[in-house]
Amino acid sequence: MPQRTLRFKIHQDGRVEETVEGFNGRACDEATRNIEKSLGEVKVKNKTSEAFISNQTKNLQQLNKESNVTF
């Protein structure tokens, strides 16, 4: 399992900059949802390339369990 990291940089004007690493797809949003809700309004959200990676292995395993087709 890859290392997952959440980094926070608090600026002098009170802005909080959050950097998330090691999460693929929607896992990033799920991991940070409660923290972002606690911090306040999210003004800008920039997604990295990791956000667009889906877990193909997991999807294929689930598909294999639900059908008679072997991949």
N, C-alpha and C. Protein backbone atom coordinates (compact mmCIF):
# COMPACT_ATOMS: atom_id res chain seq x y z
N MET A 1 0.85 -1.18 0.00
CA MET A 1 0.00 0.00 0.00
C MET A 1 0.89 1.24 0.00
N PRO A 2 0.58 2.21 -0.86
CA PRO A 2 1.41 3.42 -0.92
C PRO A 2 1.25 4.27 0.35
N GLN A 3 2.27 5.05 0.61
CA GLN A 3 2.20 5.96 1.74
C GLN A 3 1.21 7.06 1.43
N ARG A 4 0.37 7.37 2.38
CA ARG A 4 -0.62 8.44 2.23
C ARG A 4 -0.24 9.59 3.15
N THR A 5 -0.24 10.80 2.59
CA THR A 5 0.23 11.97 3.32
C THR A 5 -0.74 13.12 3.17
N LEU A 6 -1.05 13.78 4.27
CA LEU A 6 -1.81 15.04 4.28
C LEU A 6 -0.89 16.10 4.86
N ARG A 7 -0.70 17.19 4.11
CA ARG A 7 0.15 18.29 4.58
C ARG A 7 -0.69 19.56 4.64
N PHE A 8 -0.47 20.35 5.67
CA PHE A 8 -1.19 21.61 5.82
C PHE A 8 -0.20 22.74 6.00
N LYS A 9 -0.39 23.80 5.26
CA LYS A 9 0.43 25.00 5.39
C LYS A 9 -0.53 26.13 5.77
N ILE A 10 -0.28 26.73 6.91
CA ILE A 10 -1.13 27.82 7.40
C ILE A 10 -0.42 29.14 7.11
N HIS A 11 -1.04 29.95 6.29
CA HIS A 11 -0.47 31.23 5.89
C HIS A 11 -0.76 32.29 6.95
N GLN A 12 0.00 33.36 6.92
CA GLN A 12 -0.17 34.43 7.90
C GLN A 12 -1.55 35.08 7.83
N ASP A 13 -2.16 35.08 6.64
CA ASP A 13 -3.48 35.69 6.51
C ASP A 13 -4.61 34.73 6.90
N GLY A 14 -4.26 33.54 7.40
CA GLY A 14 -5.27 32.59 7.88
C GLY A 14 -5.66 31.52 6.87
N ARG A 15 -5.22 31.68 5.62
CA ARG A 15 -5.54 30.65 4.62
C ARG A 15 -4.83 29.36 4.98
N VAL A 16 -5.48 28.24 4.70
CA VAL A 16 -4.88 26.93 4.93
C VAL A 16 -4.74 26.25 3.58
N GLU A 17 -3.53 25.84 3.28
CA GLU A 17 -3.25 25.14 2.03
C GLU A 17 -3.03 23.67 2.36
N GLU A 18 -3.81 22.82 1.73
CA GLU A 18 -3.75 21.39 2.00
C GLU A 18 -3.18 20.66 0.78
N THR A 19 -2.22 19.78 1.01
CA THR A 19 -1.65 18.95 -0.05
C THR A 19 -1.86 17.50 0.34
N VAL A 20 -2.41 16.73 -0.59
CA VAL A 20 -2.73 15.33 -0.32
C VAL A 20 -1.97 14.46 -1.31
N GLU A 21 -1.31 13.43 -0.81
CA GLU A 21 -0.53 12.53 -1.66
C GLU A 21 -0.85 11.08 -1.32
N GLY A 22 -0.83 10.23 -2.34
CA GLY A 22 -0.99 8.79 -2.11
C GLY A 22 -2.40 8.27 -2.20
N PHE A 23 -3.35 9.11 -2.57
CA PHE A 23 -4.74 8.70 -2.71
C PHE A 23 -5.11 8.70 -4.19
N ASN A 24 -5.81 7.68 -4.64
CA ASN A 24 -6.25 7.61 -6.03
C ASN A 24 -7.76 7.84 -6.12
N GLY A 25 -8.17 8.46 -7.20
CA GLY A 25 -9.60 8.66 -7.45
C GLY A 25 -10.28 9.47 -6.37
N ARG A 26 -11.46 9.04 -6.00
CA ARG A 26 -12.26 9.77 -5.01
C ARG A 26 -11.81 9.58 -3.58
N ALA A 27 -10.84 8.70 -3.36
CA ALA A 27 -10.35 8.45 -2.00
C ALA A 27 -9.81 9.72 -1.36
N CYS A 28 -9.26 10.62 -2.16
CA CYS A 28 -8.75 11.89 -1.65
C CYS A 28 -9.88 12.73 -1.06
N ASP A 29 -10.97 12.85 -1.81
CA ASP A 29 -12.13 13.63 -1.31
C ASP A 29 -12.69 13.02 -0.04
N GLU A 30 -12.78 11.70 0.00
CA GLU A 30 -13.30 11.02 1.18
C GLU A 30 -12.39 11.22 2.39
N ALA A 31 -11.09 11.20 2.16
CA ALA A 31 -10.13 11.33 3.26
C ALA A 31 -10.11 12.74 3.84
N THR A 32 -10.41 13.73 3.03
CA THR A 32 -10.28 15.12 3.49
C THR A 32 -11.62 15.80 3.78
N ARG A 33 -12.72 15.14 3.51
CA ARG A 33 -14.05 15.75 3.66
C ARG A 33 -14.27 16.36 5.04
N ASN A 34 -14.06 15.60 6.10
CA ASN A 34 -14.32 16.10 7.46
C ASN A 34 -13.36 17.21 7.86
N ILE A 35 -12.11 17.09 7.45
CA ILE A 35 -11.13 18.13 7.77
C ILE A 35 -11.52 19.44 7.10
N GLU A 36 -11.86 19.37 5.81
CA GLU A 36 -12.25 20.57 5.08
C GLU A 36 -13.51 21.20 5.66
N LYS A 37 -14.43 20.36 6.09
CA LYS A 37 -15.66 20.87 6.69
C LYS A 37 -15.35 21.62 7.99
N SER A 38 -14.39 21.10 8.76
CA SER A 38 -13.99 21.74 10.02
C SER A 38 -13.25 23.05 9.80
N LEU A 39 -12.45 23.11 8.73
CA LEU A 39 -11.64 24.30 8.48
C LEU A 39 -12.47 25.46 7.93
N GLY A 40 -13.56 25.16 7.24
CA GLY A 40 -14.38 26.23 6.66
C GLY A 40 -14.55 26.08 5.17
N GLU A 41 -14.84 27.19 4.51
CA GLU A 41 -15.13 27.19 3.08
C GLU A 41 -13.89 26.88 2.24
N VAL A 42 -14.05 25.92 1.31
CA VAL A 42 -12.98 25.60 0.35
C VAL A 42 -13.14 26.55 -0.82
N LYS A 43 -12.13 27.36 -1.08
CA LYS A 43 -12.21 28.35 -2.15
C LYS A 43 -11.65 27.83 -3.46
N VAL A 44 -10.58 27.03 -3.40
CA VAL A 44 -9.94 26.51 -4.60
C VAL A 44 -9.54 25.06 -4.34
N LYS A 45 -9.81 24.20 -5.32
CA LYS A 45 -9.39 22.80 -5.21
C LYS A 45 -8.75 22.41 -6.53
N ASN A 46 -7.46 22.12 -6.50
CA ASN A 46 -6.73 21.68 -7.69
C ASN A 46 -6.41 20.20 -7.53
N LYS A 47 -6.82 19.41 -8.49
CA LYS A 47 -6.59 17.97 -8.43
C LYS A 47 -5.29 17.62 -9.14
N THR A 48 -4.56 16.67 -8.55
CA THR A 48 -3.33 16.17 -9.17
C THR A 48 -3.70 14.99 -10.08
N SER A 49 -2.73 14.47 -10.78
CA SER A 49 -2.98 13.34 -11.68
C SER A 49 -3.47 12.12 -10.92
N GLU A 50 -3.10 11.98 -9.65
CA GLU A 50 -3.55 10.85 -8.84
C GLU A 50 -5.08 10.83 -8.70
N ALA A 51 -5.70 11.99 -8.73
CA ALA A 51 -7.15 12.06 -8.57
C ALA A 51 -7.89 11.42 -9.74
N PHE A 52 -7.22 11.27 -10.86
CA PHE A 52 -7.86 10.74 -12.05
C PHE A 52 -7.52 9.27 -12.29
N ILE A 53 -6.80 8.65 -11.35
CA ILE A 53 -6.45 7.24 -11.47
C ILE A 53 -7.51 6.43 -10.75
N SER A 54 -8.08 5.47 -11.45
CA SER A 54 -9.04 4.59 -10.79
C SER A 54 -8.34 3.29 -10.47
N ASN A 55 -8.87 2.58 -9.54
CA ASN A 55 -8.26 1.33 -9.12
C ASN A 55 -8.75 0.22 -10.04
N GLN A 56 -8.08 0.01 -11.17
CA GLN A 56 -8.50 -0.97 -12.16
C GLN A 56 -8.46 -2.39 -11.61
N THR A 57 -7.46 -2.71 -10.80
CA THR A 57 -7.35 -4.06 -10.25
C THR A 57 -8.57 -4.39 -9.40
N LYS A 58 -8.96 -3.46 -8.55
CA LYS A 58 -10.12 -3.67 -7.69
C LYS A 58 -11.38 -3.82 -8.53
N ASN A 59 -11.53 -3.00 -9.56
CA ASN A 59 -12.70 -3.08 -10.43
C ASN A 59 -12.76 -4.42 -11.14
N LEU A 60 -11.63 -4.92 -11.63
CA LEU A 60 -11.60 -6.20 -12.33
C LEU A 60 -11.89 -7.35 -11.38
N GLN A 61 -11.38 -7.28 -10.16
CA GLN A 61 -11.65 -8.34 -9.19
C GLN A 61 -13.14 -8.38 -8.85
N GLN A 62 -13.75 -7.24 -8.68
CA GLN A 62 -15.18 -7.18 -8.37
C GLN A 62 -15.99 -7.71 -9.55
N LEU A 63 -15.61 -7.34 -10.76
CA LEU A 63 -16.29 -7.81 -11.96
C LEU A 63 -16.16 -9.32 -12.09
N ASN A 64 -14.99 -9.84 -11.77
CA ASN A 64 -14.75 -11.27 -11.84
C ASN A 64 -15.63 -12.03 -10.85
N LYS A 65 -15.84 -11.49 -9.67
CA LYS A 65 -16.69 -12.12 -8.66
C LYS A 65 -18.15 -12.13 -9.08
N GLU A 66 -18.56 -11.11 -9.82
CA GLU A 66 -19.97 -10.96 -10.17
C GLU A 66 -20.34 -11.66 -11.48
N SER A 67 -19.37 -12.22 -12.19
CA SER A 67 -19.69 -12.85 -13.47
C SER A 67 -18.95 -14.18 -13.59
N ASN A 68 -19.26 -14.89 -14.65
CA ASN A 68 -18.61 -16.15 -14.92
C ASN A 68 -17.41 -15.97 -15.84
N VAL A 69 -17.07 -14.76 -16.16
CA VAL A 69 -15.97 -14.46 -17.06
C VAL A 69 -14.70 -14.28 -16.24
N THR A 70 -13.62 -14.88 -16.72
CA THR A 70 -12.32 -14.75 -16.04
C THR A 70 -11.43 -13.81 -16.84
N PHE A 71 -10.80 -12.89 -16.16
CA PHE A 71 -9.89 -11.94 -16.80
C PHE A 71 -8.47 -12.30 -16.49
